[in-house]
N, C-alpha and C. Protein backbone atom coordinates (compact mmCIF):
# COMPACT_ATOMS: atom_id res chain seq x y z
N PHE A 1 0.69 -1.45 0.08
CA PHE A 1 -0.10 0.33 -0.16
C PHE A 1 0.78 1.30 0.10
N ASN A 2 0.56 2.06 -0.92
CA ASN A 2 1.40 3.39 -0.84
C ASN A 2 0.67 4.40 -0.34
N PHE A 3 1.38 4.68 1.10
CA PHE A 3 0.62 5.85 1.74
C PHE A 3 1.11 7.40 0.65
N GLN A 4 1.88 7.45 -0.09
CA GLN A 4 2.03 8.65 -0.73
C GLN A 4 1.11 9.35 -1.67
N SER A 5 0.23 7.80 -2.27
CA SER A 5 -0.94 8.00 -3.24
C SER A 5 -2.22 8.62 -2.61
N ILE A 6 -1.84 8.76 -1.01
CA ILE A 6 -3.07 9.34 -0.69
C ILE A 6 -3.07 10.71 -0.49
N SER A 7 -3.99 11.74 -1.17
CA SER A 7 -3.70 12.86 -0.94
C SER A 7 -4.61 13.78 0.11
N MET A 8 -4.42 14.64 0.69
CA MET A 8 -5.12 15.41 1.42
C MET A 8 -6.47 15.53 1.44
N ALA A 9 -7.07 16.01 0.32
CA ALA A 9 -8.38 15.86 -0.05
C ALA A 9 -8.97 14.76 0.04
N SER A 10 -8.36 13.81 -0.28
CA SER A 10 -9.02 12.23 0.41
C SER A 10 -8.97 12.03 1.75
N ILE A 11 -8.31 12.43 2.31
CA ILE A 11 -8.54 12.37 4.25
C ILE A 11 -9.41 13.17 4.68
N ASN A 12 -9.43 14.64 3.78
CA ASN A 12 -10.51 15.71 4.41
C ASN A 12 -11.64 14.84 4.18
N LYS A 13 -12.04 14.54 2.71
CA LYS A 13 -13.05 13.79 2.58
C LYS A 13 -13.53 12.71 3.15
N CYS A 14 -12.86 11.32 3.51
CA CYS A 14 -13.24 10.71 4.84
C CYS A 14 -13.52 11.22 6.44
N LEU A 15 -12.74 12.46 6.47
CA LEU A 15 -12.68 12.71 7.72
C LEU A 15 -14.23 13.58 8.22
N ILE A 16 -14.41 14.04 7.03
CA ILE A 16 -15.95 14.58 7.18
C ILE A 16 -17.07 13.75 6.81
N TYR A 17 -16.74 12.48 6.33
CA TYR A 17 -17.88 11.53 6.26
C TYR A 17 -17.97 10.62 7.67
N PHE A 18 -16.38 10.57 8.27
CA PHE A 18 -16.91 10.23 9.65
C PHE A 18 -17.09 11.36 10.45
N LEU A 19 -17.33 12.29 10.73
CA LEU A 19 -17.75 13.47 11.37
C LEU A 19 -19.58 13.23 11.35
N ILE A 20 -19.89 12.87 10.20
CA ILE A 20 -21.05 13.26 9.78
C ILE A 20 -21.95 11.84 10.52
N PHE A 21 -21.06 10.88 10.15
CA PHE A 21 -21.49 9.57 10.72
C PHE A 21 -21.62 9.52 12.51
N ALA A 22 -20.06 9.97 12.65
CA ALA A 22 -20.58 9.72 14.20
C ALA A 22 -21.67 11.04 14.98
N GLY A 23 -22.00 11.78 13.80
CA GLY A 23 -22.92 13.10 14.83
C GLY A 23 -24.50 12.04 14.56
N SER A 24 -24.56 11.07 13.62
CA SER A 24 -25.83 10.99 13.38
C SER A 24 -26.35 10.03 14.47
N VAL A 25 -24.87 8.87 14.81
CA VAL A 25 -25.11 8.03 15.30
C VAL A 25 -25.15 8.70 16.87
N SER A 26 -24.61 9.65 17.62
CA SER A 26 -24.84 10.43 18.40
C SER A 26 -26.28 10.93 18.90
N ARG A 27 -26.90 11.32 17.71
CA ARG A 27 -28.20 11.73 17.89
C ARG A 27 -29.13 10.73 17.99
N ILE A 28 -28.98 9.48 17.51
CA ILE A 28 -29.81 8.20 17.73
C ILE A 28 -29.91 7.62 19.08
N MET A 29 -28.64 7.50 19.75
CA MET A 29 -27.70 7.12 20.26
C MET A 29 -28.61 8.03 21.64
N ALA A 30 -28.82 9.54 21.80
CA ALA A 30 -28.99 10.29 23.06
C ALA A 30 -30.34 9.98 23.39
N VAL A 31 -30.35 9.67 24.73
CA VAL A 31 -31.68 9.21 25.41
C VAL A 31 -32.18 10.30 26.90
N ASP A 32 -33.55 10.55 26.60
CA ASP A 32 -33.67 11.09 27.65
C ASP A 32 -33.29 10.85 29.05
N ALA A 33 -33.03 12.27 30.29
CA ALA A 33 -32.39 11.62 31.28
C ALA A 33 -33.96 11.20 32.00
N THR A 34 -34.60 12.03 31.73
CA THR A 34 -36.26 11.74 32.44
C THR A 34 -37.35 11.60 31.41
N ASN A 35 -37.80 10.59 31.22
CA ASN A 35 -39.07 10.26 30.22
C ASN A 35 -40.09 9.43 31.04
N ILE A 36 -41.18 10.39 31.73
CA ILE A 36 -42.42 9.80 32.14
C ILE A 36 -43.34 9.99 31.44
N LYS A 37 -44.47 9.01 30.77
CA LYS A 37 -45.77 9.11 30.19
C LYS A 37 -46.75 8.85 31.13
N PHE A 38 -47.78 9.71 31.20
CA PHE A 38 -48.89 10.19 31.77
C PHE A 38 -50.49 9.35 31.11
N GLN A 39 -51.18 8.66 31.39
CA GLN A 39 -52.41 8.25 30.57
C GLN A 39 -53.87 8.67 31.97
N VAL A 40 -54.27 9.85 31.70
CA VAL A 40 -54.99 10.64 32.74
C VAL A 40 -56.46 10.21 32.56
N LYS A 41 -57.47 9.62 32.59
CA LYS A 41 -58.91 9.12 32.48
C LYS A 41 -59.47 10.18 33.06
N GLY A 42 -60.58 11.12 32.16
CA GLY A 42 -61.12 12.00 32.37
C GLY A 42 -61.00 13.19 32.01
N ILE A 43 -59.59 13.80 31.36
CA ILE A 43 -59.30 14.70 30.54
C ILE A 43 -58.98 14.65 29.24
N ARG A 44 -58.80 15.67 28.43
CA ARG A 44 -58.25 15.44 27.15
C ARG A 44 -58.26 16.96 26.45
N ASP A 45 -57.69 16.82 25.38
CA ASP A 45 -57.21 18.03 25.01
C ASP A 45 -57.45 19.58 25.79
N THR A 46 -56.54 19.74 26.56
CA THR A 46 -56.08 20.51 27.75
C THR A 46 -54.56 20.70 28.24
N PHE A 47 -54.53 21.28 28.88
CA PHE A 47 -52.86 21.48 29.76
C PHE A 47 -52.88 20.98 30.85
N CYS A 48 -51.75 20.20 31.60
CA CYS A 48 -51.64 20.20 32.83
C CYS A 48 -50.15 20.98 33.04
N LEU A 49 -50.04 20.56 34.64
CA LEU A 49 -48.98 21.74 35.01
C LEU A 49 -47.83 20.23 35.91
N LEU A 50 -46.65 20.41 35.64
CA LEU A 50 -46.10 19.18 36.15
C LEU A 50 -44.91 20.15 37.36
N ALA A 51 -45.63 19.82 38.76
CA ALA A 51 -44.44 20.81 39.41
C ALA A 51 -43.66 19.91 40.36
N TYR A 52 -42.86 20.81 41.01
CA TYR A 52 -42.09 20.14 42.35
C TYR A 52 -42.19 20.47 43.61
N SER A 53 -42.28 20.06 44.75
CA SER A 53 -42.65 20.77 46.19
C SER A 53 -41.24 21.17 46.71
N TYR A 54 -41.69 22.55 46.94
CA TYR A 54 -40.36 22.96 48.11
C TYR A 54 -40.96 23.23 49.41
N GLY A 55 -40.28 22.66 50.59
CA GLY A 55 -41.30 23.33 51.47
C GLY A 55 -43.03 22.77 51.59
N GLU A 56 -43.69 23.69 51.88
CA GLU A 56 -45.21 23.64 51.85
C GLU A 56 -46.01 24.19 50.27
N GLN A 57 -44.50 25.04 49.62
CA GLN A 57 -44.98 25.55 48.31
C GLN A 57 -44.84 24.62 47.05
N LYS A 58 -45.83 24.65 46.27
CA LYS A 58 -45.48 24.04 44.99
C LYS A 58 -45.10 24.75 43.86
N TYR A 59 -44.09 24.68 43.01
CA TYR A 59 -43.43 25.69 42.13
C TYR A 59 -43.59 24.55 40.63
N VAL A 60 -43.89 25.14 39.71
CA VAL A 60 -44.24 24.70 38.11
C VAL A 60 -43.17 24.59 37.45
N ARG A 61 -42.82 23.54 36.89
CA ARG A 61 -41.44 22.91 36.48
C ARG A 61 -41.36 23.04 34.85
N ASP A 62 -43.08 22.76 34.45
CA ASP A 62 -43.45 22.59 32.95
C ASP A 62 -44.52 22.48 32.77
N THR A 63 -45.37 22.87 31.55
CA THR A 63 -46.68 22.67 31.00
C THR A 63 -46.83 21.81 30.17
N LEU A 64 -47.62 20.71 30.55
CA LEU A 64 -47.81 19.53 29.16
C LEU A 64 -49.23 19.87 28.77
N ARG A 65 -48.71 19.48 27.29
CA ARG A 65 -49.95 19.27 26.41
C ARG A 65 -50.40 17.57 26.76
N VAL A 66 -52.03 17.65 26.85
CA VAL A 66 -52.81 16.50 27.06
C VAL A 66 -53.59 16.39 25.48
N ASP A 67 -53.54 15.33 24.90
CA ASP A 67 -53.68 14.79 23.54
C ASP A 67 -55.53 14.26 23.86
N GLY A 68 -56.17 14.16 22.79
CA GLY A 68 -57.40 14.06 22.55
C GLY A 68 -57.69 12.32 23.36
N ALA A 69 -56.50 11.68 23.55
CA ALA A 69 -56.97 10.26 24.53
C ALA A 69 -56.25 10.47 25.99
N GLY A 70 -56.04 11.67 26.26
CA GLY A 70 -55.96 11.97 28.07
C GLY A 70 -54.43 11.37 28.23
N LYS A 71 -53.40 11.56 27.40
CA LYS A 71 -51.65 11.31 27.17
C LYS A 71 -51.06 12.65 27.27
N LEU A 72 -50.41 12.36 27.72
CA LEU A 72 -49.41 13.60 28.20
C LEU A 72 -48.10 12.94 28.49
N ALA A 73 -46.76 13.47 28.50
CA ALA A 73 -45.54 12.93 28.71
C ALA A 73 -44.36 14.52 29.11
N PHE A 74 -43.77 13.87 29.38
CA PHE A 74 -42.70 15.09 30.10
C PHE A 74 -41.44 14.47 29.65
N HIS A 75 -40.60 14.96 28.99
CA HIS A 75 -39.14 14.33 28.65
C HIS A 75 -38.05 15.74 28.95
N SER A 76 -36.88 14.98 29.39
CA SER A 76 -35.80 16.07 29.66
C SER A 76 -34.60 15.56 29.34
N LYS A 77 -33.63 16.03 28.53
CA LYS A 77 -32.57 15.41 28.47
C LYS A 77 -31.59 15.59 29.88
N GLU A 78 -31.73 16.48 30.90
CA GLU A 78 -31.14 16.57 32.15
C GLU A 78 -32.19 15.60 33.29
N LYS A 79 -31.88 14.69 34.08
CA LYS A 79 -32.63 14.36 35.20
C LYS A 79 -32.89 15.16 36.08
N CYS A 80 -34.15 15.26 36.39
CA CYS A 80 -34.92 16.30 37.66
C CYS A 80 -34.54 15.88 38.53
N PRO A 81 -34.18 16.94 39.81
CA PRO A 81 -33.86 17.00 40.81
C PRO A 81 -34.51 15.92 41.86
N GLU A 82 -34.04 15.33 42.58
CA GLU A 82 -34.96 14.23 43.54
C GLU A 82 -35.97 15.07 44.47
N GLY A 83 -36.85 14.73 44.39
CA GLY A 83 -37.79 15.41 45.15
C GLY A 83 -39.60 14.89 44.81
N ILE A 84 -40.59 15.80 45.59
CA ILE A 84 -41.71 15.13 45.57
C ILE A 84 -42.16 16.01 44.14
N TYR A 85 -43.02 15.45 43.37
CA TYR A 85 -43.28 16.05 42.15
C TYR A 85 -44.99 16.10 42.07
N SER A 86 -45.57 17.05 41.65
CA SER A 86 -47.28 16.82 41.30
C SER A 86 -47.58 16.94 39.64
N LEU A 87 -48.81 16.63 39.18
CA LEU A 87 -49.22 16.70 37.93
C LEU A 87 -50.30 17.27 38.41
N ILE A 88 -50.64 18.76 37.97
CA ILE A 88 -51.75 19.57 38.49
C ILE A 88 -52.82 19.77 37.51
N ILE A 89 -53.87 19.43 37.40
CA ILE A 89 -55.05 18.76 36.54
C ILE A 89 -56.02 19.49 36.66
N PRO A 90 -56.28 20.49 35.34
CA PRO A 90 -57.33 21.47 35.38
C PRO A 90 -58.72 21.10 36.41
N GLY A 91 -59.17 22.22 37.43
CA GLY A 91 -60.45 21.67 38.36
C GLY A 91 -59.30 21.29 39.33
N LYS A 92 -58.03 22.23 39.81
CA LYS A 92 -57.47 22.04 40.87
C LYS A 92 -56.97 20.97 41.72
N LYS A 93 -57.37 19.33 40.80
CA LYS A 93 -56.89 18.24 41.02
C LYS A 93 -55.46 18.31 40.73
N PHE A 94 -54.66 17.71 41.98
CA PHE A 94 -53.20 17.00 41.34
C PHE A 94 -52.92 15.49 42.42
N PHE A 95 -51.94 14.86 41.79
CA PHE A 95 -51.63 13.88 42.39
C PHE A 95 -50.06 14.14 42.63
N ASP A 96 -49.36 13.44 43.67
CA ASP A 96 -47.89 13.37 43.89
C ASP A 96 -47.25 12.39 43.54
N PHE A 97 -46.47 12.06 43.01
CA PHE A 97 -45.55 11.42 42.76
C PHE A 97 -43.88 11.26 43.19
N VAL A 98 -43.23 10.45 42.95
CA VAL A 98 -41.32 10.59 43.28
C VAL A 98 -40.49 10.95 42.30
N MET A 99 -39.74 11.75 42.01
CA MET A 99 -38.48 11.85 41.31
C MET A 99 -37.09 10.95 42.17
N ASP A 100 -36.56 10.58 41.77
CA ASP A 100 -35.47 9.53 42.30
C ASP A 100 -35.07 8.38 41.60
N GLY A 101 -34.01 8.20 41.64
CA GLY A 101 -33.41 7.20 40.62
C GLY A 101 -33.55 6.82 39.41
N PRO A 102 -34.01 6.19 38.91
CA PRO A 102 -34.47 6.05 37.29
C PRO A 102 -35.60 6.98 37.37
N GLN A 103 -35.54 7.91 36.26
CA GLN A 103 -36.71 8.70 35.84
C GLN A 103 -37.46 8.37 34.42
N ASN A 104 -37.75 7.27 34.21
CA ASN A 104 -38.05 6.65 33.15
C ASN A 104 -39.37 5.51 33.76
N PHE A 105 -40.85 5.97 33.72
CA PHE A 105 -42.00 5.62 34.24
C PHE A 105 -43.03 5.84 33.78
N SER A 106 -44.06 5.20 34.07
CA SER A 106 -45.45 5.67 33.24
C SER A 106 -46.76 5.64 34.37
N VAL A 107 -47.72 6.64 34.19
CA VAL A 107 -48.34 6.88 35.31
C VAL A 107 -49.66 6.47 34.77
N GLU A 108 -50.94 6.21 35.35
CA GLU A 108 -51.89 5.77 34.68
C GLU A 108 -52.95 6.43 36.39
N VAL A 109 -54.28 7.19 35.85
CA VAL A 109 -55.21 7.66 37.11
C VAL A 109 -56.36 8.27 36.33
N ASP A 110 -57.18 8.16 37.26
CA ASP A 110 -58.42 8.47 36.81
C ASP A 110 -58.84 9.72 37.90
N THR A 111 -59.24 10.63 37.14
CA THR A 111 -59.70 11.90 37.89
C THR A 111 -60.92 11.79 38.78
N LEU A 112 -61.41 11.02 38.65
CA LEU A 112 -62.75 10.55 39.65
C LEU A 112 -62.17 10.13 40.96
N ASN A 113 -61.50 9.81 40.92
CA ASN A 113 -60.69 9.04 42.21
C ASN A 113 -59.21 8.61 42.00
N MET A 114 -58.52 9.86 41.82
CA MET A 114 -57.28 9.58 41.87
C MET A 114 -56.04 8.97 42.57
N LEU A 115 -56.18 8.88 44.02
CA LEU A 115 -55.56 8.01 44.82
C LEU A 115 -55.74 6.52 44.92
N THR A 116 -57.07 6.32 44.70
CA THR A 116 -57.28 4.79 44.11
C THR A 116 -56.92 4.29 43.35
N SER A 117 -57.10 5.36 42.11
CA SER A 117 -56.68 4.50 40.73
C SER A 117 -55.21 4.83 40.50
N LEU A 118 -54.80 5.55 40.94
CA LEU A 118 -52.93 5.92 40.64
C LEU A 118 -52.26 4.54 40.40
N LYS A 119 -51.66 4.50 39.58
CA LYS A 119 -50.71 3.27 39.39
C LYS A 119 -49.74 3.69 38.45
N ILE A 120 -48.21 2.91 38.96
CA ILE A 120 -47.14 4.04 38.42
C ILE A 120 -46.04 2.51 38.23
N LYS A 121 -45.92 2.43 36.60
CA LYS A 121 -45.10 1.36 36.36
C LYS A 121 -43.81 1.57 36.28
N GLY A 122 -42.73 0.84 36.89
CA GLY A 122 -41.34 0.90 36.19
C GLY A 122 -40.71 2.00 37.39
N SER A 123 -41.31 1.99 38.65
CA SER A 123 -40.54 3.10 39.50
C SER A 123 -40.41 2.53 40.56
N PRO A 124 -39.88 1.82 41.30
CA PRO A 124 -39.81 0.98 42.65
C PRO A 124 -40.01 2.07 43.66
N GLU A 125 -39.38 3.10 43.54
CA GLU A 125 -39.66 4.15 44.45
C GLU A 125 -40.69 4.66 44.52
N ASN A 126 -41.78 4.82 43.18
CA ASN A 126 -43.01 4.82 43.75
C ASN A 126 -43.99 4.22 44.04
N ASP A 127 -43.31 2.88 43.92
CA ASP A 127 -44.27 1.82 44.34
C ASP A 127 -44.07 2.24 46.11
N LEU A 128 -43.25 2.11 46.89
CA LEU A 128 -43.15 2.50 48.29
C LEU A 128 -44.18 3.73 48.42
N PHE A 129 -43.80 4.84 47.68
CA PHE A 129 -44.38 6.00 47.98
C PHE A 129 -45.87 6.08 48.15
N LEU A 130 -46.32 5.26 46.91
CA LEU A 130 -47.75 5.03 46.79
C LEU A 130 -48.16 4.21 47.85
N GLY A 131 -47.99 3.13 48.31
CA GLY A 131 -47.94 2.57 49.63
C GLY A 131 -48.22 3.07 50.72
N TYR A 132 -46.96 3.80 50.91
CA TYR A 132 -47.14 5.14 52.55
C TYR A 132 -48.46 6.22 52.08
N THR A 133 -48.59 6.75 50.96
CA THR A 133 -49.55 7.69 50.60
C THR A 133 -50.73 7.01 50.75
N LYS A 134 -51.33 5.64 50.31
CA LYS A 134 -52.82 4.92 50.59
C LYS A 134 -52.75 4.36 51.97
N PHE A 135 -51.69 3.91 52.75
CA PHE A 135 -51.62 3.98 53.77
C PHE A 135 -52.25 5.29 54.88
N ILE A 136 -51.29 6.07 54.76
CA ILE A 136 -51.56 7.49 55.36
C ILE A 136 -53.20 8.07 54.95
N ASP A 137 -53.50 7.81 54.42
CA ASP A 137 -55.00 8.22 53.80
C ASP A 137 -55.75 7.54 54.25
N GLN A 138 -55.67 6.01 54.37
CA GLN A 138 -56.49 5.09 54.89
C GLN A 138 -56.52 5.43 56.68
N LYS A 139 -55.41 5.57 56.85
CA LYS A 139 -55.30 5.83 58.69
C LYS A 139 -56.08 7.37 58.92
N THR A 140 -56.14 8.24 57.85
CA THR A 140 -56.46 9.45 58.43
C THR A 140 -57.72 9.29 58.67
N LYS A 141 -58.84 8.81 57.23
CA LYS A 141 -59.94 8.44 57.04
C LYS A 141 -60.43 8.07 58.23
N GLU A 142 -59.51 7.08 59.10
CA GLU A 142 -59.72 6.02 60.26
C GLU A 142 -60.11 7.04 61.40
N VAL A 143 -59.10 8.38 61.22
CA VAL A 143 -59.07 8.85 62.89
C VAL A 143 -60.06 10.20 62.68
N MET A 144 -60.46 10.86 61.49
CA MET A 144 -61.05 11.94 61.67
C MET A 144 -62.56 11.69 61.96
N PRO A 145 -63.22 10.77 62.02
CA PRO A 145 -64.52 10.76 62.65
C PRO A 145 -64.21 10.76 64.24
N LEU A 146 -63.19 10.35 64.66
CA LEU A 146 -63.11 10.15 66.23
C LEU A 146 -62.54 11.39 66.81
N ARG A 147 -62.09 12.25 66.04
CA ARG A 147 -61.67 13.63 66.45
C ARG A 147 -62.68 14.26 66.47
N GLN A 148 -63.80 14.12 65.67
CA GLN A 148 -65.03 14.68 65.51
C GLN A 148 -65.68 14.13 66.64
N LYS A 149 -65.70 12.74 67.20
CA LYS A 149 -66.54 12.27 68.40
C LYS A 149 -65.72 13.04 69.69
N ALA A 150 -64.69 13.46 69.47
CA ALA A 150 -64.03 13.71 70.65
C ALA A 150 -64.17 15.30 71.26
N GLU A 151 -64.36 16.17 69.94
CA GLU A 151 -64.45 17.71 70.02
C GLU A 151 -65.87 17.40 70.58
N LYS A 152 -66.83 16.61 70.44
CA LYS A 152 -68.23 16.58 71.00
C LYS A 152 -68.55 16.08 72.34
N LEU A 153 -67.44 15.68 72.73
CA LEU A 153 -67.66 14.46 74.01
C LEU A 153 -66.60 15.59 74.93
N MET A 154 -65.96 16.21 74.88
CA MET A 154 -65.25 17.22 75.98
C MET A 154 -66.08 17.22 77.26
N GLY A 155 -65.81 17.25 78.05
CA GLY A 155 -65.88 16.93 79.52
C GLY A 155 -66.66 15.40 80.19
N LYS A 156 -66.45 14.72 79.09
CA LYS A 156 -67.03 13.47 79.21
C LYS A 156 -65.65 12.42 79.49
N LYS A 157 -65.03 12.27 80.29
CA LYS A 157 -63.77 11.77 80.61
C LYS A 157 -63.61 10.10 80.05
N ASP A 158 -64.82 9.67 80.32
CA ASP A 158 -64.96 7.86 80.41
C ASP A 158 -64.83 7.70 78.87
N SER A 159 -65.88 8.55 78.15
CA SER A 159 -66.23 8.30 76.80
C SER A 159 -64.97 9.03 76.02
N LEU A 160 -64.21 10.01 76.61
CA LEU A 160 -62.93 10.09 75.80
C LEU A 160 -62.10 9.61 76.04
N ASP A 161 -61.85 9.19 76.93
CA ASP A 161 -60.88 7.65 76.85
C ASP A 161 -60.34 6.54 76.48
N ILE A 162 -61.79 5.91 75.68
CA ILE A 162 -62.11 5.40 74.87
C ILE A 162 -61.35 5.50 73.48
N ILE A 163 -62.16 6.81 73.14
CA ILE A 163 -61.87 7.22 71.78
C ILE A 163 -60.21 7.95 71.70
N GLN A 164 -59.60 7.87 72.76
CA GLN A 164 -58.40 8.27 72.70
C GLN A 164 -57.73 7.25 72.40
N ALA A 165 -57.85 6.21 72.99
CA ALA A 165 -57.50 4.87 73.09
C ALA A 165 -57.44 4.48 71.55
N LYS A 166 -58.41 4.32 70.86
CA LYS A 166 -58.83 4.01 69.76
C LYS A 166 -57.87 4.91 68.91
N MET A 167 -57.72 6.18 68.88
CA MET A 167 -56.77 7.26 67.83
C MET A 167 -55.29 7.05 68.28
N ASN A 168 -54.94 6.81 69.63
CA ASN A 168 -53.73 6.22 69.98
C ASN A 168 -53.13 4.94 69.07
N LYS A 169 -54.41 3.82 69.29
CA LYS A 169 -53.74 3.10 68.36
C LYS A 169 -53.29 2.57 66.80
N ILE A 170 -54.48 3.89 66.29
CA ILE A 170 -53.79 4.16 64.88
C ILE A 170 -52.32 5.03 64.66
N ASP A 171 -52.27 5.75 65.78
CA ASP A 171 -51.04 6.70 65.62
C ASP A 171 -50.32 5.45 65.62
N ALA A 172 -50.21 4.70 66.44
CA ALA A 172 -49.50 3.48 66.76
C ALA A 172 -48.73 2.35 65.34
N GLU A 173 -49.89 2.32 64.71
CA GLU A 173 -50.34 1.49 63.61
C GLU A 173 -49.16 2.15 62.64
N VAL A 174 -49.33 3.67 62.37
CA VAL A 174 -48.62 4.72 61.83
C VAL A 174 -47.39 4.76 61.90
N THR A 175 -46.83 4.43 63.04
CA THR A 175 -45.74 4.77 63.38
C THR A 175 -44.98 3.50 63.31
N LYS A 176 -45.29 2.35 63.40
CA LYS A 176 -45.00 1.01 63.10
C LYS A 176 -45.09 0.82 61.52
N TYR A 177 -45.35 1.42 60.92
CA TYR A 177 -45.35 1.89 59.18
C TYR A 177 -44.27 1.99 58.94
N GLN A 178 -44.23 3.48 59.53
CA GLN A 178 -42.37 4.21 58.94
C GLN A 178 -41.59 3.54 59.61
N GLU A 179 -41.50 3.15 60.96
CA GLU A 179 -40.40 2.25 61.28
C GLU A 179 -39.90 1.09 60.13
N ASP A 180 -40.85 0.35 59.87
CA ASP A 180 -40.63 -0.83 59.09
C ASP A 180 -40.18 -0.38 57.67
N LEU A 181 -40.98 1.09 57.54
CA LEU A 181 -40.50 1.27 55.89
C LEU A 181 -38.66 1.77 56.12
N MET A 182 -38.28 2.47 57.59
CA MET A 182 -37.03 2.58 57.38
C MET A 182 -36.10 1.72 57.43
N LYS A 183 -36.56 0.59 58.10
CA LYS A 183 -35.90 -0.49 58.08
C LYS A 183 -35.49 -1.25 57.12
N LEU A 184 -36.76 -1.68 56.43
CA LEU A 184 -36.46 -2.30 55.21
C LEU A 184 -36.08 -1.37 53.83
N HIS A 185 -36.27 -0.63 53.86
CA HIS A 185 -35.64 0.48 52.69
C HIS A 185 -35.14 1.68 53.04
N PRO A 186 -34.04 1.46 53.69
CA PRO A 186 -33.14 2.77 54.59
C PRO A 186 -32.91 3.78 53.28
N GLN A 187 -32.29 3.32 52.33
CA GLN A 187 -31.92 4.19 51.10
C GLN A 187 -32.99 5.15 50.56
N SER A 188 -34.14 4.31 50.76
CA SER A 188 -35.32 5.40 49.73
C SER A 188 -35.38 6.48 49.87
N PHE A 189 -36.15 7.31 49.10
CA PHE A 189 -36.45 8.80 49.12
C PHE A 189 -37.60 8.89 50.22
N THR A 190 -38.46 7.70 49.88
CA THR A 190 -39.60 7.77 50.88
C THR A 190 -39.76 7.69 52.07
N ALA A 191 -38.37 6.71 52.84
CA ALA A 191 -38.31 6.18 53.94
C ALA A 191 -37.39 7.74 54.24
N LYS A 192 -37.12 9.07 53.57
CA LYS A 192 -36.06 10.10 54.29
C LYS A 192 -37.47 11.03 54.56
N LEU A 193 -38.69 10.55 54.13
CA LEU A 193 -40.13 11.71 54.21
C LEU A 193 -39.99 11.97 55.61
C-alpha cells in the first residue's frame, strides 16, 4: 500500500464522512434522562402543570399538553432533582409522585378518584411512596371521625378515654409502618420523608 498516493483531499473527505456518521449516531443514541408518560382518564385536549414541591409550596416545572386520548408526557435531557412532584390537572386536582433514581416510568390515573386509581409502572421508589400515601390516607379516614366525636364529648372523661385509646392505636400503626419502611428501605427517598 502506497501512503504517498493518498491526497489531503481524500483524507479530508474521509474525515468529513466520519464526523457526519458520528454525529448521526450520537443523535440516535441520545436518550432523555427523564421520560415520564401519563394516561389521565377524565381529561383531554387541555394542559396540565408539572410541579415540584419545595417546603409547603409547589412550583411549576413545565406545562404539558394533553391529547384527545388523555395522554401526555414529560421529557428532559437532564435528570430532574430528587423530590416530590405533582401533576396538576384542571379543576385544581393533583396527585403526587417521586422523582428519584431512574426517571423513566409511566403513570395511569382516573380523575374521579385519583389516589385509589393511581398506578405507576417502572418505578420501585414510587411503589413505596404510593403504598405509604395510601396507608396514610386510610389511617386519616379512620381517625377523622374519632376526632369529631372527641370534640363533641369534651368533658365526658370515660367516653374521651375510649376514643383517645382508638386514636392512639391508629397512631401506633402509623409509627410502625414508618419504622418498618425505614428498616426495610433505608436508602429510599420515601423513608427519608
